[in-house]
Amino acid sequence: MFAAPQTAPATHVGGLGGLGEVTLALLLVLGAVFALAWLLKRVRGFNSRVGSSLEVIAHVPLGAKERAVLLKVGPTQLLIGVAPGRVNALYVLPEPLEPARPASAPANGAPGSFRTLLKNLTR
């Protein structure tokens, strides 16, 4: 009438092998997160064009988190100041400026020699 109780098969409780697999999986996930963060940081300034009517022409860091940005909004150019939690219009340019190449940069776009750069910085 009553069946004999069946014993459940013994399961292997994870030992050193299971701990190694979990550690490897955790390291892979953390590596992927850091690689993605690095990639996003590198390509953040890649696409400075926001839309057809708004374009970032140039930006200059002024401090650790502050910068000045030259924007083109339609035919008008604006100089704005960007700081954490704050954006201020600094100046509206009466005539549009074309970003010029620095005088110390060679014409072919290659960086100058270290000696030339150092000489220009110490003037």
PDB file of N, CA and C in Angstrom:
ATOM      1  N   MET A   1       0.774  -1.168   0.000  1.00  0.00           N
ATOM      2  CA  MET A   1       0.000   0.000   0.000  1.00  0.00           C
ATOM      3  C   MET A   1       0.844   1.274   0.000  1.00  0.00           C
ATOM      4  N   PHE A   2       1.691   1.383   0.926  1.00  0.00           N
ATOM      5  CA  PHE A   2       2.584   2.534   0.949  1.00  0.00           C
ATOM      6  C   PHE A   2       3.880   2.160   0.273  1.00  0.00           C
ATOM      7  N   ALA A   3       4.382   3.063  -0.556  1.00  0.00           N
ATOM      8  CA  ALA A   3       5.652   2.818  -1.230  1.00  0.00           C
ATOM      9  C   ALA A   3       6.782   3.222  -0.309  1.00  0.00           C
ATOM     10  N   ALA A   4       7.867   2.592  -0.518  1.00  0.00           N
ATOM     11  CA  ALA A   4       9.047   2.920   0.287  1.00  0.00           C
ATOM     12  C   ALA A   4       9.551   4.311  -0.109  1.00  0.00           C
ATOM     13  N   PRO A   5       9.938   5.075   0.881  1.00  0.00           N
ATOM     14  CA  PRO A   5      10.436   6.427   0.561  1.00  0.00           C
ATOM     15  C   PRO A   5      11.705   6.333  -0.291  1.00  0.00           C
ATOM     16  N   GLN A   6      11.768   7.224  -1.300  1.00  0.00           N
ATOM     17  CA  GLN A   6      12.952   7.243  -2.155  1.00  0.00           C
ATOM     18  C   GLN A   6      13.887   8.333  -1.655  1.00  0.00           C
ATOM     19  N   THR A   7      15.118   8.019  -1.725  1.00  0.00           N
ATOM     20  CA  THR A   7      16.104   9.019  -1.314  1.00  0.00           C
ATOM     21  C   THR A   7      16.506   9.844  -2.528  1.00  0.00           C
ATOM     22  N   ALA A   8      16.637  11.123  -2.324  1.00  0.00           N
ATOM     23  CA  ALA A   8      17.047  12.018  -3.408  1.00  0.00           C
ATOM     24  C   ALA A   8      18.522  11.789  -3.703  1.00  0.00           C
ATOM     25  N   PRO A   9      18.885  11.846  -4.982  1.00  0.00           N
ATOM     26  CA  PRO A   9      20.295  11.670  -5.299  1.00  0.00           C
ATOM     27  C   PRO A   9      21.117  12.798  -4.685  1.00  0.00           C
ATOM     28  N   ALA A  10      22.293  12.491  -4.264  1.00  0.00           N
ATOM     29  CA  ALA A  10      23.158  13.489  -3.641  1.00  0.00           C
ATOM     30  C   ALA A  10      23.635  14.481  -4.690  1.00  0.00           C
ATOM     31  N   THR A  11      23.486  15.759  -4.389  1.00  0.00           N
ATOM     32  CA  THR A  11      23.968  16.800  -5.299  1.00  0.00           C
ATOM     33  C   THR A  11      25.311  17.292  -4.802  1.00  0.00           C
ATOM     34  N   HIS A  12      26.144  17.625  -5.748  1.00  0.00           N
ATOM     35  CA  HIS A  12      27.481  18.091  -5.403  1.00  0.00           C
ATOM     36  C   HIS A  12      27.382  19.565  -5.013  1.00  0.00           C
ATOM     37  N   VAL A  13      27.739  19.870  -3.804  1.00  0.00           N
ATOM     38  CA  VAL A  13      27.746  21.254  -3.351  1.00  0.00           C
ATOM     39  C   VAL A  13      29.025  21.878  -3.887  1.00  0.00           C
ATOM     40  N   GLY A  14      28.897  23.037  -4.536  1.00  0.00           N
ATOM     41  CA  GLY A  14      30.037  23.692  -5.183  1.00  0.00           C
ATOM     42  C   GLY A  14      31.211  23.849  -4.247  1.00  0.00           C
ATOM     43  N   GLY A  15      32.344  23.415  -4.681  1.00  0.00           N
ATOM     44  CA  GLY A  15      33.559  23.554  -3.902  1.00  0.00           C
ATOM     45  C   GLY A  15      34.458  24.560  -4.581  1.00  0.00           C
ATOM     46  N   LEU A  16      35.711  24.212  -4.713  1.00  0.00           N
ATOM     47  CA  LEU A  16      36.680  25.102  -5.326  1.00  0.00           C
ATOM     48  C   LEU A  16      36.378  25.314  -6.807  1.00  0.00           C
ATOM     49  N   GLY A  17      35.902  24.281  -7.491  1.00  0.00           N
ATOM     50  CA  GLY A  17      35.571  24.421  -8.911  1.00  0.00           C
ATOM     51  C   GLY A  17      34.437  25.396  -9.134  1.00  0.00           C
ATOM     52  N   GLY A  18      33.380  25.328  -8.334  1.00  0.00           N
ATOM     53  CA  GLY A  18      32.251  26.243  -8.453  1.00  0.00           C
ATOM     54  C   GLY A  18      32.640  27.674  -8.121  1.00  0.00           C
ATOM     55  N   LEU A  19      33.494  27.827  -7.120  1.00  0.00           N
ATOM     56  CA  LEU A  19      33.962  29.166  -6.742  1.00  0.00           C
ATOM     57  C   LEU A  19      34.805  29.775  -7.858  1.00  0.00           C
ATOM     58  N   GLY A  20      35.594  28.948  -8.513  1.00  0.00           N
ATOM     59  CA  GLY A  20      36.407  29.437  -9.627  1.00  0.00           C
ATOM     60  C   GLY A  20      35.550  29.883 -10.795  1.00  0.00           C
ATOM     61  N   GLU A  21      34.491  29.141 -11.088  1.00  0.00           N
ATOM     62  CA  GLU A  21      33.598  29.516 -12.180  1.00  0.00           C
ATOM     63  C   GLU A  21      32.877  30.816 -11.884  1.00  0.00           C
ATOM     64  N   VAL A  22      32.420  30.983 -10.659  1.00  0.00           N
ATOM     65  CA  VAL A  22      31.733  32.219 -10.274  1.00  0.00           C
ATOM     66  C   VAL A  22      32.702  33.399 -10.340  1.00  0.00           C
ATOM     67  N   THR A  23      33.930  33.197  -9.874  1.00  0.00           N
ATOM     68  CA  THR A  23      34.925  34.270  -9.910  1.00  0.00           C
ATOM     69  C   THR A  23      35.249  34.655 -11.343  1.00  0.00           C
ATOM     70  N   LEU A  24      35.406  33.658 -12.219  1.00  0.00           N
ATOM     71  CA  LEU A  24      35.687  33.937 -13.621  1.00  0.00           C
ATOM     72  C   LEU A  24      34.533  34.689 -14.277  1.00  0.00           C
ATOM     73  N   ALA A  25      33.311  34.291 -14.001  1.00  0.00           N
ATOM     74  CA  ALA A  25      32.150  34.977 -14.567  1.00  0.00           C
ATOM     75  C   ALA A  25      32.083  36.426 -14.071  1.00  0.00           C
ATOM     76  N   LEU A  26      32.356  36.639 -12.793  1.00  0.00           N
ATOM     77  CA  LEU A  26      32.347  37.990 -12.232  1.00  0.00           C
ATOM     78  C   LEU A  26      33.423  38.852 -12.882  1.00  0.00           C
ATOM     79  N   LEU A  27      34.608  38.301 -13.075  1.00  0.00           N
ATOM     80  CA  LEU A  27      35.689  39.049 -13.704  1.00  0.00           C
ATOM     81  C   LEU A  27      35.344  39.394 -15.162  1.00  0.00           C
ATOM     82  N   LEU A  28      34.704  38.481 -15.858  1.00  0.00           N
ATOM     83  CA  LEU A  28      34.297  38.752 -17.236  1.00  0.00           C
ATOM     84  C   LEU A  28      33.265  39.876 -17.299  1.00  0.00           C
ATOM     85  N   VAL A  29      32.293  39.855 -16.403  1.00  0.00           N
ATOM     86  CA  VAL A  29      31.267  40.904 -16.387  1.00  0.00           C
ATOM     87  C   VAL A  29      31.885  42.252 -16.028  1.00  0.00           C
ATOM     88  N   LEU A  30      32.750  42.285 -15.021  1.00  0.00           N
ATOM     89  CA  LEU A  30      33.403  43.541 -14.639  1.00  0.00           C
ATOM     90  C   LEU A  30      34.296  44.059 -15.768  1.00  0.00           C
ATOM     91  N   GLY A  31      35.005  43.166 -16.437  1.00  0.00           N
ATOM     92  CA  GLY A  31      35.837  43.567 -17.563  1.00  0.00           C
ATOM     93  C   GLY A  31      35.003  44.161 -18.687  1.00  0.00           C
ATOM     94  N   ALA A  32      33.853  43.560 -18.958  1.00  0.00           N
ATOM     95  CA  ALA A  32      32.972  44.085 -20.006  1.00  0.00           C
ATOM     96  C   ALA A  32      32.438  45.464 -19.624  1.00  0.00           C
ATOM     97  N   VAL A  33      32.091  45.666 -18.360  1.00  0.00           N
ATOM     98  CA  VAL A  33      31.580  46.963 -17.907  1.00  0.00           C
ATOM     99  C   VAL A  33      32.663  48.038 -18.050  1.00  0.00           C
ATOM    100  N   PHE A  34      33.896  47.730 -17.606  1.00  0.00           N
ATOM    101  CA  PHE A  34      34.977  48.712 -17.709  1.00  0.00           C
ATOM    102  C   PHE A  34      35.345  48.979 -19.167  1.00  0.00           C
ATOM    103  N   ALA A  35      35.335  47.968 -20.010  1.00  0.00           N
ATOM    104  CA  ALA A  35      35.636  48.159 -21.432  1.00  0.00           C
ATOM    105  C   ALA A  35      34.577  49.042 -22.085  1.00  0.00           C
ATOM    106  N   LEU A  36      33.313  48.834 -21.760  1.00  0.00           N
ATOM    107  CA  LEU A  36      32.251  49.660 -22.315  1.00  0.00           C
ATOM    108  C   LEU A  36      32.360  51.102 -21.827  1.00  0.00           C
ATOM    109  N   ALA A  37      32.688  51.299 -20.550  1.00  0.00           N
ATOM    110  CA  ALA A  37      32.845  52.658 -20.015  1.00  0.00           C
ATOM    111  C   ALA A  37      34.004  53.369 -20.703  1.00  0.00           C
ATOM    112  N   TRP A  38      35.110  52.672 -20.914  1.00  0.00           N
ATOM    113  CA  TRP A  38      36.265  53.258 -21.588  1.00  0.00           C
ATOM    114  C   TRP A  38      35.904  53.626 -23.021  1.00  0.00           C
ATOM    115  N   LEU A  39      35.194  52.735 -23.702  1.00  0.00           N
ATOM    116  CA  LEU A  39      34.807  52.983 -25.089  1.00  0.00           C
ATOM    117  C   LEU A  39      33.878  54.196 -25.193  1.00  0.00           C
ATOM    118  N   LEU A  40      32.917  54.294 -24.294  1.00  0.00           N
ATOM    119  CA  LEU A  40      32.003  55.436 -24.310  1.00  0.00           C
ATOM    120  C   LEU A  40      32.734  56.741 -24.034  1.00  0.00           C
ATOM    121  N   LYS A  41      33.725  56.680 -23.147  1.00  0.00           N
ATOM    122  CA  LYS A  41      34.499  57.879 -22.841  1.00  0.00           C
ATOM    123  C   LYS A  41      35.326  58.307 -24.048  1.00  0.00           C
ATOM    124  N   ARG A  42      35.868  57.361 -24.782  1.00  0.00           N
ATOM    125  CA  ARG A  42      36.696  57.672 -25.947  1.00  0.00           C
ATOM    126  C   ARG A  42      35.880  58.253 -27.098  1.00  0.00           C
ATOM    127  N   VAL A  43      34.668  57.771 -27.317  1.00  0.00           N
ATOM    128  CA  VAL A  43      33.878  58.220 -28.455  1.00  0.00           C
ATOM    129  C   VAL A  43      32.862  59.291 -28.075  1.00  0.00           C
ATOM    130  N   ARG A  44      32.930  59.793 -26.861  1.00  0.00           N
ATOM    131  CA  ARG A  44      31.987  60.812 -26.416  1.00  0.00           C
ATOM    132  C   ARG A  44      32.042  62.060 -27.288  1.00  0.00           C
ATOM    133  N   GLY A  45      33.219  62.514 -27.623  1.00  0.00           N
ATOM    134  CA  GLY A  45      33.356  63.695 -28.453  1.00  0.00           C
ATOM    135  C   GLY A  45      33.408  63.382 -29.934  1.00  0.00           C
ATOM    136  N   PHE A  46      33.203  62.129 -30.309  1.00  0.00           N
ATOM    137  CA  PHE A  46      33.308  61.716 -31.713  1.00  0.00           C
ATOM    138  C   PHE A  46      32.267  62.401 -32.577  1.00  0.00           C
ATOM    139  N   ASN A  47      31.044  62.411 -32.114  1.00  0.00           N
ATOM    140  CA  ASN A  47      29.965  63.004 -32.897  1.00  0.00           C
ATOM    141  C   ASN A  47      29.523  64.292 -32.224  1.00  0.00           C
ATOM    142  N   SER A  48      30.159  65.405 -32.586  1.00  0.00           N
ATOM    143  CA  SER A  48      29.815  66.676 -31.951  1.00  0.00           C
ATOM    144  C   SER A  48      28.612  67.329 -32.619  1.00  0.00           C
ATOM    145  N   ARG A  49      28.156  66.794 -33.723  1.00  0.00           N
ATOM    146  CA  ARG A  49      27.000  67.364 -34.421  1.00  0.00           C
ATOM    147  C   ARG A  49      25.720  66.845 -33.774  1.00  0.00           C
ATOM    148  N   VAL A  50      24.953  67.758 -33.188  1.00  0.00           N
ATOM    149  CA  VAL A  50      23.736  67.386 -32.479  1.00  0.00           C
ATOM    150  C   VAL A  50      22.558  67.284 -33.435  1.00  0.00           C
ATOM    151  N   GLY A  51      22.448  68.196 -34.326  1.00  0.00           N
ATOM    152  CA  GLY A  51      21.347  68.210 -35.278  1.00  0.00           C
ATOM    153  C   GLY A  51      21.728  69.060 -36.465  1.00  0.00           C
ATOM    154  N   SER A  52      20.807  69.228 -37.381  1.00  0.00           N
ATOM    155  CA  SER A  52      21.133  70.008 -38.574  1.00  0.00           C
ATOM    156  C   SER A  52      21.234  71.497 -38.263  1.00  0.00           C
ATOM    157  N   SER A  53      20.587  71.963 -37.215  1.00  0.00           N
ATOM    158  CA  SER A  53      20.616  73.389 -36.917  1.00  0.00           C
ATOM    159  C   SER A  53      21.502  73.738 -35.725  1.00  0.00           C
ATOM    160  N   LEU A  54      22.066  72.748 -35.047  1.00  0.00           N
ATOM    161  CA  LEU A  54      22.915  72.995 -33.887  1.00  0.00           C
ATOM    162  C   LEU A  54      24.205  72.213 -34.050  1.00  0.00           C
ATOM    163  N   GLU A  55      25.339  72.918 -33.955  1.00  0.00           N
ATOM    164  CA  GLU A  55      26.632  72.277 -34.156  1.00  0.00           C
ATOM    165  C   GLU A  55      27.645  72.830 -33.163  1.00  0.00           C
ATOM    166  N   VAL A  56      28.447  71.947 -32.565  1.00  0.00           N
ATOM    167  CA  VAL A  56      29.546  72.355 -31.701  1.00  0.00           C
ATOM    168  C   VAL A  56      30.747  72.604 -32.600  1.00  0.00           C
ATOM    169  N   ILE A  57      31.216  73.841 -32.649  1.00  0.00           N
ATOM    170  CA  ILE A  57      32.345  74.193 -33.512  1.00  0.00           C
ATOM    171  C   ILE A  57      33.662  73.938 -32.788  1.00  0.00           C
ATOM    172  N   ALA A  58      33.753  74.376 -31.533  1.00  0.00           N
ATOM    173  CA  ALA A  58      34.992  74.210 -30.764  1.00  0.00           C
ATOM    174  C   ALA A  58      34.652  74.245 -29.284  1.00  0.00           C
ATOM    175  N   HIS A  59      35.523  73.652 -28.483  1.00  0.00           N
ATOM    176  CA  HIS A  59      35.375  73.741 -27.035  1.00  0.00           C
ATOM    177  C   HIS A  59      36.753  73.765 -26.403  1.00  0.00           C
ATOM    178  N   VAL A  60      36.852  74.503 -25.298  1.00  0.00           N
ATOM    179  CA  VAL A  60      38.110  74.674 -24.591  1.00  0.00           C
ATOM    180  C   VAL A  60      37.868  74.415 -23.115  1.00  0.00           C
ATOM    181  N   PRO A  61      38.637  73.479 -22.500  1.00  0.00           N
ATOM    182  CA  PRO A  61      38.485  73.289 -21.051  1.00  0.00           C
ATOM    183  C   PRO A  61      39.053  74.491 -20.294  1.00  0.00           C
ATOM    184  N   LEU A  62      38.307  74.945 -19.308  1.00  0.00           N
ATOM    185  CA  LEU A  62      38.736  76.086 -18.494  1.00  0.00           C
ATOM    186  C   LEU A  62      39.139  75.665 -17.089  1.00  0.00           C
ATOM    187  N   GLY A  63      38.741  74.504 -16.684  1.00  0.00           N
ATOM    188  CA  GLY A  63      39.048  73.982 -15.364  1.00  0.00           C
ATOM    189  C   GLY A  63      38.785  72.492 -15.363  1.00  0.00           C
ATOM    190  N   ALA A  64      38.670  71.929 -14.178  1.00  0.00           N
ATOM    191  CA  ALA A  64      38.443  70.487 -14.070  1.00  0.00           C
ATOM    192  C   ALA A  64      37.116  70.083 -14.693  1.00  0.00           C
ATOM    193  N   LYS A  65      36.080  70.886 -14.474  1.00  0.00           N
ATOM    194  CA  LYS A  65      34.758  70.550 -15.001  1.00  0.00           C
ATOM    195  C   LYS A  65      34.118  71.692 -15.775  1.00  0.00           C
ATOM    196  N   GLU A  66      34.840  72.764 -15.984  1.00  0.00           N
ATOM    197  CA  GLU A  66      34.300  73.922 -16.689  1.00  0.00           C
ATOM    198  C   GLU A  66      34.899  73.984 -18.081  1.00  0.00           C
ATOM    199  N   ARG A  67      34.100  74.488 -19.033  1.00  0.00           N
ATOM    200  CA  ARG A  67      34.605  74.663 -20.392  1.00  0.00           C
ATOM    201  C   ARG A  67      33.814  75.740 -21.106  1.00  0.00           C
ATOM    202  N   ALA A  68      34.444  76.288 -22.129  1.00  0.00           N
ATOM    203  CA  ALA A  68      33.793  77.253 -23.013  1.00  0.00           C
ATOM    204  C   ALA A  68      33.522  76.535 -24.322  1.00  0.00           C
ATOM    205  N   VAL A  69      32.320  76.721 -24.847  1.00  0.00           N
ATOM    206  CA  VAL A  69      31.903  76.015 -26.056  1.00  0.00           C
ATOM    207  C   VAL A  69      31.404  77.036 -27.070  1.00  0.00           C
ATOM    208  N   LEU A  70      31.887  76.901 -28.306  1.00  0.00           N
ATOM    209  CA  LEU A  70      31.426  77.740 -29.400  1.00  0.00           C
ATOM    210  C   LEU A  70      30.408  76.939 -30.195  1.00  0.00           C
ATOM    211  N   LEU A  71      29.161  77.412 -30.202  1.00  0.00           N
ATOM    212  CA  LEU A  71      28.060  76.727 -30.879  1.00  0.00           C
ATOM    213  C   LEU A  71      27.631  77.491 -32.113  1.00  0.00           C
ATOM    214  N   LYS A  72      27.184  76.752 -33.115  1.00  0.00           N
ATOM    215  CA  LYS A  72      26.574  77.360 -34.292  1.00  0.00           C
ATOM    216  C   LYS A  72      25.107  76.968 -34.270  1.00  0.00           C
ATOM    217  N   VAL A  73      24.255  77.958 -34.139  1.00  0.00           N
ATOM    218  CA  VAL A  73      22.813  77.746 -34.127  1.00  0.00           C
ATOM    219  C   VAL A  73      22.261  78.452 -35.350  1.00  0.00           C
ATOM    220  N   GLY A  74      21.973  77.683 -36.385  1.00  0.00           N
ATOM    221  CA  GLY A  74      21.570  78.292 -37.653  1.00  0.00           C
ATOM    222  C   GLY A  74      22.732  79.125 -38.168  1.00  0.00           C
ATOM    223  N   PRO A  75      22.494  80.400 -38.498  1.00  0.00           N
ATOM    224  CA  PRO A  75      23.587  81.254 -38.972  1.00  0.00           C
ATOM    225  C   PRO A  75      24.339  81.949 -37.829  1.00  0.00           C
ATOM    226  N   THR A  76      23.847  81.855 -36.596  1.00  0.00           N
ATOM    227  CA  THR A  76      24.416  82.563 -35.455  1.00  0.00           C
ATOM    228  C   THR A  76      25.391  81.679 -34.690  1.00  0.00           C
ATOM    229  N   GLN A  77      26.459  82.296 -34.190  1.00  0.00           N
ATOM    230  CA  GLN A  77      27.405  81.584 -33.336  1.00  0.00           C
ATOM    231  C   GLN A  77      27.340  82.151 -31.931  1.00  0.00           C
ATOM    232  N   LEU A  78      27.328  81.243 -30.951  1.00  0.00           N
ATOM    233  CA  LEU A  78      27.244  81.620 -29.545  1.00  0.00           C
ATOM    234  C   LEU A  78      28.434  81.045 -28.793  1.00  0.00           C
ATOM    235  N   LEU A  79      28.972  81.819 -27.863  1.00  0.00           N
ATOM    236  CA  LEU A  79      29.985  81.321 -26.945  1.00  0.00           C
ATOM    237  C   LEU A  79      29.283  81.103 -25.613  1.00  0.00           C
ATOM    238  N   ILE A  80      29.304  79.862 -25.131  1.00  0.00           N
ATOM    239  CA  ILE A  80      28.635  79.559 -23.863  1.00  0.00           C
ATOM    240  C   ILE A  80      29.636  78.999 -22.876  1.00  0.00           C
ATOM    241  N   GLY A  81      29.348  79.197 -21.613  1.00  0.00           N
ATOM    242  CA  GLY A  81      30.141  78.624 -20.530  1.00  0.00           C
ATOM    243  C   GLY A  81      29.381  77.471 -19.928  1.00  0.00           C
ATOM    244  N   VAL A  82      30.054  76.328 -19.774  1.00  0.00           N
ATOM    245  CA  VAL A  82      29.415  75.124 -19.240  1.00  0.00           C
ATOM    246  C   VAL A  82      30.141  74.734 -17.963  1.00  0.00           C
ATOM    247  N   ALA A  83      29.385  74.592 -16.886  1.00  0.00           N
ATOM    248  CA  ALA A  83      29.901  74.156 -15.592  1.00  0.00           C
ATOM    249  C   ALA A  83      28.899  73.165 -15.030  1.00  0.00           C
ATOM    250  N   PRO A  84      29.288  72.396 -14.024  1.00  0.00           N
ATOM    251  CA  PRO A  84      28.334  71.439 -13.456  1.00  0.00           C
ATOM    252  C   PRO A  84      27.067  72.132 -12.966  1.00  0.00           C
ATOM    253  N   GLY A  85      25.941  71.750 -13.535  1.00  0.00           N
ATOM    254  CA  GLY A  85      24.657  72.300 -13.132  1.00  0.00           C
ATOM    255  C   GLY A  85      24.363  73.681 -13.677  1.00  0.00           C
ATOM    256  N   ARG A  86      25.182  74.172 -14.613  1.00  0.00           N
ATOM    257  CA  ARG A  86      24.985  75.533 -15.078  1.00  0.00           C
ATOM    258  C   ARG A  86      25.500  75.718 -16.504  1.00  0.00           C
ATOM    259  N   VAL A  87      24.723  76.410 -17.332  1.00  0.00           N
ATOM    260  CA  VAL A  87      25.127  76.786 -18.691  1.00  0.00           C
ATOM    261  C   VAL A  87      24.761  78.254 -18.865  1.00  0.00           C
ATOM    262  N   ASN A  88      25.759  79.076 -19.241  1.00  0.00           N
ATOM    263  CA  ASN A  88      25.535  80.517 -19.405  1.00  0.00           C
ATOM    264  C   ASN A  88      25.942  80.955 -20.799  1.00  0.00           C
ATOM    265  N   ALA A  89      25.139  81.807 -21.423  1.00  0.00           N
ATOM    266  CA  ALA A  89      25.528  82.431 -22.683  1.00  0.00           C
ATOM    267  C   ALA A  89      26.516  83.540 -22.354  1.00  0.00           C
ATOM    268  N   LEU A  90      27.725  83.449 -22.919  1.00  0.00           N
ATOM    269  CA  LEU A  90      28.754  84.439 -22.630  1.00  0.00           C
ATOM    270  C   LEU A  90      28.792  85.552 -23.667  1.00  0.00           C
ATOM    271  N   TYR A  91      28.598  85.175 -24.946  1.00  0.00           N
ATOM    272  CA  TYR A  91      28.724  86.172 -26.002  1.00  0.00           C
ATOM    273  C   TYR A  91      28.048  85.663 -27.266  1.00  0.00           C
ATOM    274  N   VAL A  92      27.364  86.558 -27.971  1.00  0.00           N
ATOM    275  CA  VAL A  92      26.798  86.245 -29.282  1.00  0.00           C
ATOM    276  C   VAL A  92      27.690  86.928 -30.303  1.00  0.00           C
ATOM    277  N   LEU A  93      28.296  86.143 -31.179  1.00  0.00           N
ATOM    278  CA  LEU A  93      29.231  86.698 -32.147  1.00  0.00           C
ATOM    279  C   LEU A  93      28.483  87.422 -33.257  1.00  0.00           C
ATOM    280  N   PRO A  94      28.868  88.668 -33.562  1.00  0.00           N
ATOM    281  CA  PRO A  94      28.181  89.413 -34.626  1.00  0.00           C
ATOM    282  C   PRO A  94      28.464  88.829 -36.013  1.00  0.00           C
ATOM    283  N   GLU A  95      29.673  88.309 -36.219  1.00  0.00           N
ATOM    284  CA  GLU A  95      30.039  87.665 -37.476  1.00  0.00           C
ATOM    285  C   GLU A  95      30.518  86.253 -37.177  1.00  0.00           C
ATOM    286  N   PRO A  96      30.095  85.274 -37.954  1.00  0.00           N
ATOM    287  CA  PRO A  96      30.548  83.902 -37.714  1.00  0.00           C
ATOM    288  C   PRO A  96      32.057  83.776 -37.890  1.00  0.00           C
ATOM    289  N   LEU A  97      32.675  83.011 -37.004  1.00  0.00           N
ATOM    290  CA  LEU A  97      34.111  82.741 -37.069  1.00  0.00           C
ATOM    291  C   LEU A  97      34.343  81.364 -37.665  1.00  0.00           C
ATOM    292  N   GLU A  98      35.411  81.240 -38.406  1.00  0.00           N
ATOM    293  CA  GLU A  98      35.841  79.933 -38.869  1.00  0.00           C
ATOM    294  C   GLU A  98      36.950  79.487 -37.939  1.00  0.00           C
ATOM    295  N   PRO A  99      36.858  78.272 -37.385  1.00  0.00           N
ATOM    296  CA  PRO A  99      37.924  77.813 -36.503  1.00  0.00           C
ATOM    297  C   PRO A  99      39.237  77.730 -37.273  1.00  0.00           C
ATOM    298  N   ALA A 100      40.257  78.399 -36.762  1.00  0.00           N
ATOM    299  CA  ALA A 100      41.555  78.437 -37.431  1.00  0.00           C
ATOM    300  C   ALA A 100      42.479  77.395 -36.835  1.00  0.00           C
ATOM    301  N   ARG A 101      43.401  76.928 -37.655  1.00  0.00           N
ATOM    302  CA  ARG A 101      44.429  75.993 -37.203  1.00  0.00           C
ATOM    303  C   ARG A 101      45.438  76.784 -36.372  1.00  0.00           C
ATOM    304  N   PRO A 102      45.897  76.233 -35.239  1.00  0.00           N
ATOM    305  CA  PRO A 102      46.911  76.939 -34.453  1.00  0.00           C
ATOM    306  C   PRO A 102      48.153  77.205 -35.290  1.00  0.00           C
ATOM    307  N   ALA A 103      48.826  78.326 -35.027  1.00  0.00           N
ATOM    308  CA  ALA A 103      49.990  78.719 -35.813  1.00  0.00           C
ATOM    309  C   ALA A 103      51.127  77.712 -35.687  1.00  0.00           C
ATOM    310  N   SER A 104      51.215  77.002 -34.553  1.00  0.00           N
ATOM    311  CA  SER A 104      52.312  76.058 -34.351  1.00  0.00           C
ATOM    312  C   SER A 104      52.067  74.725 -35.034  1.00  0.00           C
ATOM    313  N   ALA A 105      50.856  74.482 -35.543  1.00  0.00           N
ATOM    314  CA  ALA A 105      50.557  73.197 -36.171  1.00  0.00           C
ATOM    315  C   ALA A 105      51.044  73.205 -37.616  1.00  0.00           C
ATOM    316  N   PRO A 106      51.696  72.141 -38.054  1.00  0.00           N
ATOM    317  CA  PRO A 106      52.132  72.063 -39.438  1.00  0.00           C
ATOM    318  C   PRO A 106      50.938  72.007 -40.386  1.00  0.00           C
ATOM    319  N   ALA A 107      51.163  72.359 -41.634  1.00  0.00           N
ATOM    320  CA  ALA A 107      50.075  72.431 -42.611  1.00  0.00           C
ATOM    321  C   ALA A 107      49.468  71.064 -42.916  1.00  0.00           C
ATOM    322  N   ASN A 108      50.259  69.990 -42.799  1.00  0.00           N
ATOM    323  CA  ASN A 108      49.733  68.669 -43.144  1.00  0.00           C
ATOM    324  C   ASN A 108      48.911  68.046 -42.025  1.00  0.00           C
ATOM    325  N   GLY A 109      48.760  68.721 -40.894  1.00  0.00           N
ATOM    326  CA  GLY A 109      47.933  68.224 -39.809  1.00  0.00           C
ATOM    327  C   GLY A 109      48.675  67.329 -38.836  1.00  0.00           C
ATOM    328  N   ALA A 110      49.943  67.000 -39.128  1.00  0.00           N
ATOM    329  CA  ALA A 110      50.725  66.161 -38.224  1.00  0.00           C
ATOM    330  C   ALA A 110      51.205  66.999 -37.052  1.00  0.00           C
ATOM    331  N   PRO A 111      51.346  66.385 -35.875  1.00  0.00           N
ATOM    332  CA  PRO A 111      51.828  67.152 -34.734  1.00  0.00           C
ATOM    333  C   PRO A 111      53.277  67.573 -34.938  1.00  0.00           C
ATOM    334  N   GLY A 112      53.634  68.732 -34.407  1.00  0.00           N
ATOM    335  CA  GLY A 112      55.003  69.219 -34.520  1.00  0.00           C
ATOM    336  C   GLY A 112      55.945  68.446 -33.622  1.00  0.00           C
ATOM    337  N   SER A 113      57.223  68.761 -33.722  1.00  0.00           N
ATOM    338  CA  SER A 113      58.202  68.071 -32.888  1.00  0.00           C
ATOM    339  C   SER A 113      58.066  68.539 -31.445  1.00  0.00           C
ATOM    340  N   PHE A 114      58.593  67.737 -30.546  1.00  0.00           N
ATOM    341  CA  PHE A 114      58.522  68.078 -29.133  1.00  0.00           C
ATOM    342  C   PHE A 114      59.288  69.363 -28.864  1.00  0.00           C
ATOM    343  N   ARG A 115      60.403  69.554 -29.540  1.00  0.00           N
ATOM    344  CA  ARG A 115      61.214  70.753 -29.357  1.00  0.00           C
ATOM    345  C   ARG A 115      60.415  72.002 -29.742  1.00  0.00           C
ATOM    346  N   THR A 116      59.703  71.947 -30.865  1.00  0.00           N
ATOM    347  CA  THR A 116      58.910  73.081 -31.323  1.00  0.00           C
ATOM    348  C   THR A 116      57.766  73.367 -30.360  1.00  0.00           C
ATOM    349  N   LEU A 117      57.081  72.315 -29.912  1.00  0.00           N
ATOM    350  CA  LEU A 117      55.987  72.524 -28.962  1.00  0.00           C
ATOM    351  C   LEU A 117      56.485  73.112 -27.660  1.00  0.00           C
ATOM    352  N   LEU A 118      57.612  72.629 -27.147  1.00  0.00           N
ATOM    353  CA  LEU A 118      58.168  73.136 -25.899  1.00  0.00           C
ATOM    354  C   LEU A 118      58.597  74.595 -26.058  1.00  0.00           C
ATOM    355  N   LYS A 119      59.196  74.919 -27.194  1.00  0.00           N
ATOM    356  CA  LYS A 119      59.624  76.290 -27.447  1.00  0.00           C
ATOM    357  C   LYS A 119      58.422  77.223 -27.479  1.00  0.00           C
ATOM    358  N   ASN A 120      57.316  76.789 -28.104  1.00  0.00           N
ATOM    359  CA  ASN A 120      56.128  77.618 -28.169  1.00  0.00           C
ATOM    360  C   ASN A 120      55.478  77.794 -26.803  1.00  0.00           C
ATOM    361  N   LEU A 121      55.573  76.796 -25.958  1.00  0.00           N
ATOM    362  CA  LEU A 121      54.969  76.887 -24.622  1.00  0.00           C
ATOM    363  C   LEU A 121      55.779  77.796 -23.701  1.00  0.00           C
ATOM    364  N   THR A 122      57.091  77.884 -23.893  1.00  0.00           N
ATOM    365  CA  THR A 122      57.934  78.663 -22.986  1.00  0.00           C
ATOM    366  C   THR A 122      58.057  80.113 -23.404  1.00  0.00           C
ATOM    367  N   ARG A 123      57.457  80.514 -24.495  1.00  0.00           N
ATOM    368  CA  ARG A 123      57.521  81.924 -24.920  1.00  0.00           C
ATOM    369  C   ARG A 123      56.662  82.775 -24.079  1.00  0.00           C
TER     370      ARG A 123
END
